[in-house]
Amino acid sequence: MPSSDPASASAELHVIADTVERQRERVAAIAEPFLGTEREDVVTAVHEAERQLHVAARALRRALKTLDR
């Protein structure tokens, strides 16, 4: 069970946000070989996943800033 200690929660959010950002970068790289090919469907799907991960990372960082107030 996660701790209710703000310092612990802050550290955990920071780690998770960084992990999500690294995974976003990995997902973005997957689309690159398909750019300009007939597989634009793959590019579109991967870019949508990348966008969602970016939204998640921003939300986690926003939560971190709120917690640190």
N, C-alpha and C. Protein backbone atom coordinates (compact mmCIF):
# COMPACT_ATOMS: atom_id res chain seq x y z
N MET A 1 0.85 -1.18 0.00
CA MET A 1 0.00 0.00 0.00
C MET A 1 0.89 1.24 0.00
N PRO A 2 0.61 2.22 -0.90
CA PRO A 2 1.41 3.43 -0.95
C PRO A 2 1.35 4.22 0.37
N SER A 3 2.44 4.88 0.67
CA SER A 3 2.52 5.67 1.89
C SER A 3 1.78 6.98 1.73
N SER A 4 1.24 7.50 2.85
CA SER A 4 0.59 8.82 2.81
C SER A 4 1.59 9.92 3.15
N ASP A 5 2.85 9.56 3.36
CA ASP A 5 3.90 10.52 3.62
C ASP A 5 4.16 11.33 2.35
N PRO A 6 4.01 12.68 2.43
CA PRO A 6 4.19 13.50 1.22
C PRO A 6 5.56 13.34 0.55
N ALA A 7 6.62 13.22 1.33
CA ALA A 7 7.96 13.06 0.74
C ALA A 7 8.06 11.74 -0.02
N SER A 8 7.51 10.69 0.55
CA SER A 8 7.53 9.39 -0.10
C SER A 8 6.67 9.41 -1.37
N ALA A 9 5.49 9.99 -1.27
CA ALA A 9 4.60 10.09 -2.44
C ALA A 9 5.25 10.93 -3.53
N SER A 10 5.91 12.01 -3.15
CA SER A 10 6.59 12.87 -4.11
C SER A 10 7.69 12.11 -4.84
N ALA A 11 8.49 11.38 -4.10
CA ALA A 11 9.56 10.60 -4.71
C ALA A 11 8.99 9.55 -5.67
N GLU A 12 7.93 8.90 -5.24
CA GLU A 12 7.30 7.87 -6.08
C GLU A 12 6.73 8.48 -7.37
N LEU A 13 6.04 9.61 -7.25
CA LEU A 13 5.50 10.29 -8.44
C LEU A 13 6.60 10.71 -9.39
N HIS A 14 7.70 11.19 -8.85
CA HIS A 14 8.82 11.60 -9.68
C HIS A 14 9.36 10.42 -10.48
N VAL A 15 9.55 9.30 -9.83
CA VAL A 15 10.06 8.10 -10.50
C VAL A 15 9.08 7.64 -11.58
N ILE A 16 7.81 7.62 -11.26
CA ILE A 16 6.81 7.17 -12.23
C ILE A 16 6.75 8.11 -13.42
N ALA A 17 6.75 9.42 -13.17
CA ALA A 17 6.71 10.39 -14.27
C ALA A 17 7.92 10.24 -15.19
N ASP A 18 9.10 10.05 -14.60
CA ASP A 18 10.30 9.84 -15.41
C ASP A 18 10.20 8.56 -16.23
N THR A 19 9.67 7.51 -15.62
CA THR A 19 9.52 6.23 -16.32
C THR A 19 8.54 6.36 -17.48
N VAL A 20 7.43 7.04 -17.26
CA VAL A 20 6.45 7.24 -18.33
C VAL A 20 7.08 8.04 -19.47
N GLU A 21 7.86 9.05 -19.15
CA GLU A 21 8.52 9.86 -20.18
C GLU A 21 9.51 9.01 -20.99
N ARG A 22 10.28 8.18 -20.33
CA ARG A 22 11.22 7.30 -21.05
C ARG A 22 10.47 6.33 -21.96
N GLN A 23 9.35 5.80 -21.47
CA GLN A 23 8.56 4.88 -22.29
C GLN A 23 7.94 5.62 -23.48
N ARG A 24 7.54 6.87 -23.27
CA ARG A 24 7.01 7.68 -24.37
C ARG A 24 8.05 7.81 -25.48
N GLU A 25 9.28 8.07 -25.09
CA GLU A 25 10.36 8.19 -26.08
C GLU A 25 10.57 6.88 -26.83
N ARG A 26 10.50 5.78 -26.12
CA ARG A 26 10.66 4.47 -26.76
C ARG A 26 9.53 4.20 -27.75
N VAL A 27 8.31 4.55 -27.35
CA VAL A 27 7.15 4.35 -28.23
C VAL A 27 7.30 5.20 -29.48
N ALA A 28 7.72 6.45 -29.32
CA ALA A 28 7.89 7.34 -30.48
C ALA A 28 8.89 6.76 -31.47
N ALA A 29 9.95 6.15 -30.97
CA ALA A 29 10.97 5.58 -31.85
C ALA A 29 10.42 4.42 -32.68
N ILE A 30 9.42 3.74 -32.17
CA ILE A 30 8.85 2.62 -32.91
C ILE A 30 8.22 3.07 -34.22
N ALA A 31 7.65 4.26 -34.25
CA ALA A 31 6.97 4.76 -35.45
C ALA A 31 7.94 5.14 -36.56
N GLU A 32 9.16 5.50 -36.21
CA GLU A 32 10.10 6.05 -37.19
C GLU A 32 10.31 5.18 -38.42
N PRO A 33 10.54 3.88 -38.29
CA PRO A 33 10.77 3.08 -39.51
C PRO A 33 9.56 3.03 -40.45
N PHE A 34 8.38 3.35 -39.93
CA PHE A 34 7.16 3.26 -40.73
C PHE A 34 6.79 4.58 -41.40
N LEU A 35 7.49 5.68 -41.03
CA LEU A 35 7.21 6.98 -41.63
C LEU A 35 7.47 6.92 -43.14
N GLY A 36 6.52 7.45 -43.90
CA GLY A 36 6.68 7.49 -45.35
C GLY A 36 6.45 6.17 -46.05
N THR A 37 5.93 5.19 -45.32
CA THR A 37 5.63 3.90 -45.95
C THR A 37 4.11 3.76 -46.10
N GLU A 38 3.71 2.63 -46.62
CA GLU A 38 2.27 2.36 -46.75
C GLU A 38 1.64 2.03 -45.41
N ARG A 39 2.43 1.98 -44.34
CA ARG A 39 1.92 1.63 -43.01
C ARG A 39 1.68 2.86 -42.14
N GLU A 40 1.05 3.87 -42.73
CA GLU A 40 0.70 5.07 -41.95
C GLU A 40 -0.28 4.74 -40.83
N ASP A 41 -0.99 3.62 -40.95
CA ASP A 41 -1.88 3.19 -39.87
C ASP A 41 -1.09 2.89 -38.61
N VAL A 42 0.09 2.31 -38.77
CA VAL A 42 0.95 2.02 -37.63
C VAL A 42 1.45 3.33 -37.03
N VAL A 43 1.89 4.24 -37.89
CA VAL A 43 2.38 5.54 -37.44
C VAL A 43 1.30 6.28 -36.65
N THR A 44 0.10 6.29 -37.17
CA THR A 44 -1.00 6.97 -36.50
C THR A 44 -1.28 6.36 -35.14
N ALA A 45 -1.35 5.06 -35.07
CA ALA A 45 -1.64 4.38 -33.79
C ALA A 45 -0.52 4.61 -32.78
N VAL A 46 0.72 4.52 -33.22
CA VAL A 46 1.84 4.71 -32.30
C VAL A 46 1.92 6.16 -31.84
N HIS A 47 1.68 7.10 -32.75
CA HIS A 47 1.69 8.51 -32.35
C HIS A 47 0.57 8.82 -31.35
N GLU A 48 -0.56 8.17 -31.49
CA GLU A 48 -1.64 8.36 -30.51
C GLU A 48 -1.22 7.82 -29.15
N ALA A 49 -0.59 6.66 -29.13
CA ALA A 49 -0.10 6.11 -27.86
C ALA A 49 0.94 7.04 -27.25
N GLU A 50 1.83 7.56 -28.08
CA GLU A 50 2.85 8.50 -27.60
C GLU A 50 2.19 9.74 -26.99
N ARG A 51 1.18 10.25 -27.67
CA ARG A 51 0.47 11.43 -27.17
C ARG A 51 -0.17 11.15 -25.82
N GLN A 52 -0.77 9.99 -25.68
CA GLN A 52 -1.41 9.64 -24.41
C GLN A 52 -0.38 9.51 -23.28
N LEU A 53 0.77 8.97 -23.59
CA LEU A 53 1.83 8.87 -22.58
C LEU A 53 2.33 10.27 -22.20
N HIS A 54 2.40 11.17 -23.17
CA HIS A 54 2.79 12.56 -22.88
C HIS A 54 1.78 13.21 -21.94
N VAL A 55 0.51 12.99 -22.20
CA VAL A 55 -0.56 13.52 -21.34
C VAL A 55 -0.42 12.94 -19.93
N ALA A 56 -0.15 11.65 -19.84
CA ALA A 56 0.01 11.01 -18.54
C ALA A 56 1.21 11.58 -17.78
N ALA A 57 2.33 11.77 -18.46
CA ALA A 57 3.52 12.33 -17.81
C ALA A 57 3.24 13.74 -17.30
N ARG A 58 2.55 14.54 -18.10
CA ARG A 58 2.21 15.91 -17.68
C ARG A 58 1.30 15.88 -16.46
N ALA A 59 0.32 14.99 -16.45
CA ALA A 59 -0.60 14.89 -15.31
C ALA A 59 0.15 14.47 -14.05
N LEU A 60 1.09 13.55 -14.18
CA LEU A 60 1.88 13.12 -13.03
C LEU A 60 2.74 14.26 -12.50
N ARG A 61 3.33 15.03 -13.39
CA ARG A 61 4.16 16.17 -12.96
C ARG A 61 3.29 17.25 -12.30
N ARG A 62 2.08 17.42 -12.82
CA ARG A 62 1.14 18.37 -12.21
C ARG A 62 0.77 17.90 -10.80
N ALA A 63 0.54 16.62 -10.64
CA ALA A 63 0.23 16.06 -9.32
C ALA A 63 1.43 16.26 -8.38
N LEU A 64 2.62 16.08 -8.90
CA LEU A 64 3.83 16.27 -8.11
C LEU A 64 3.95 17.71 -7.63
N LYS A 65 3.69 18.67 -8.52
CA LYS A 65 3.74 20.08 -8.13
C LYS A 65 2.67 20.40 -7.08
N THR A 66 1.51 19.82 -7.24
CA THR A 66 0.43 20.04 -6.26
C THR A 66 0.82 19.47 -4.90
N LEU A 67 1.40 18.30 -4.90
CA LEU A 67 1.82 17.66 -3.66
C LEU A 67 2.92 18.45 -2.97
N ASP A 68 3.81 19.02 -3.75
CA ASP A 68 4.97 19.75 -3.19
C ASP A 68 4.64 21.15 -2.70
N ARG A 69 3.40 21.58 -2.85
CA ARG A 69 3.03 22.92 -2.37
C ARG A 69 2.98 22.97 -0.88
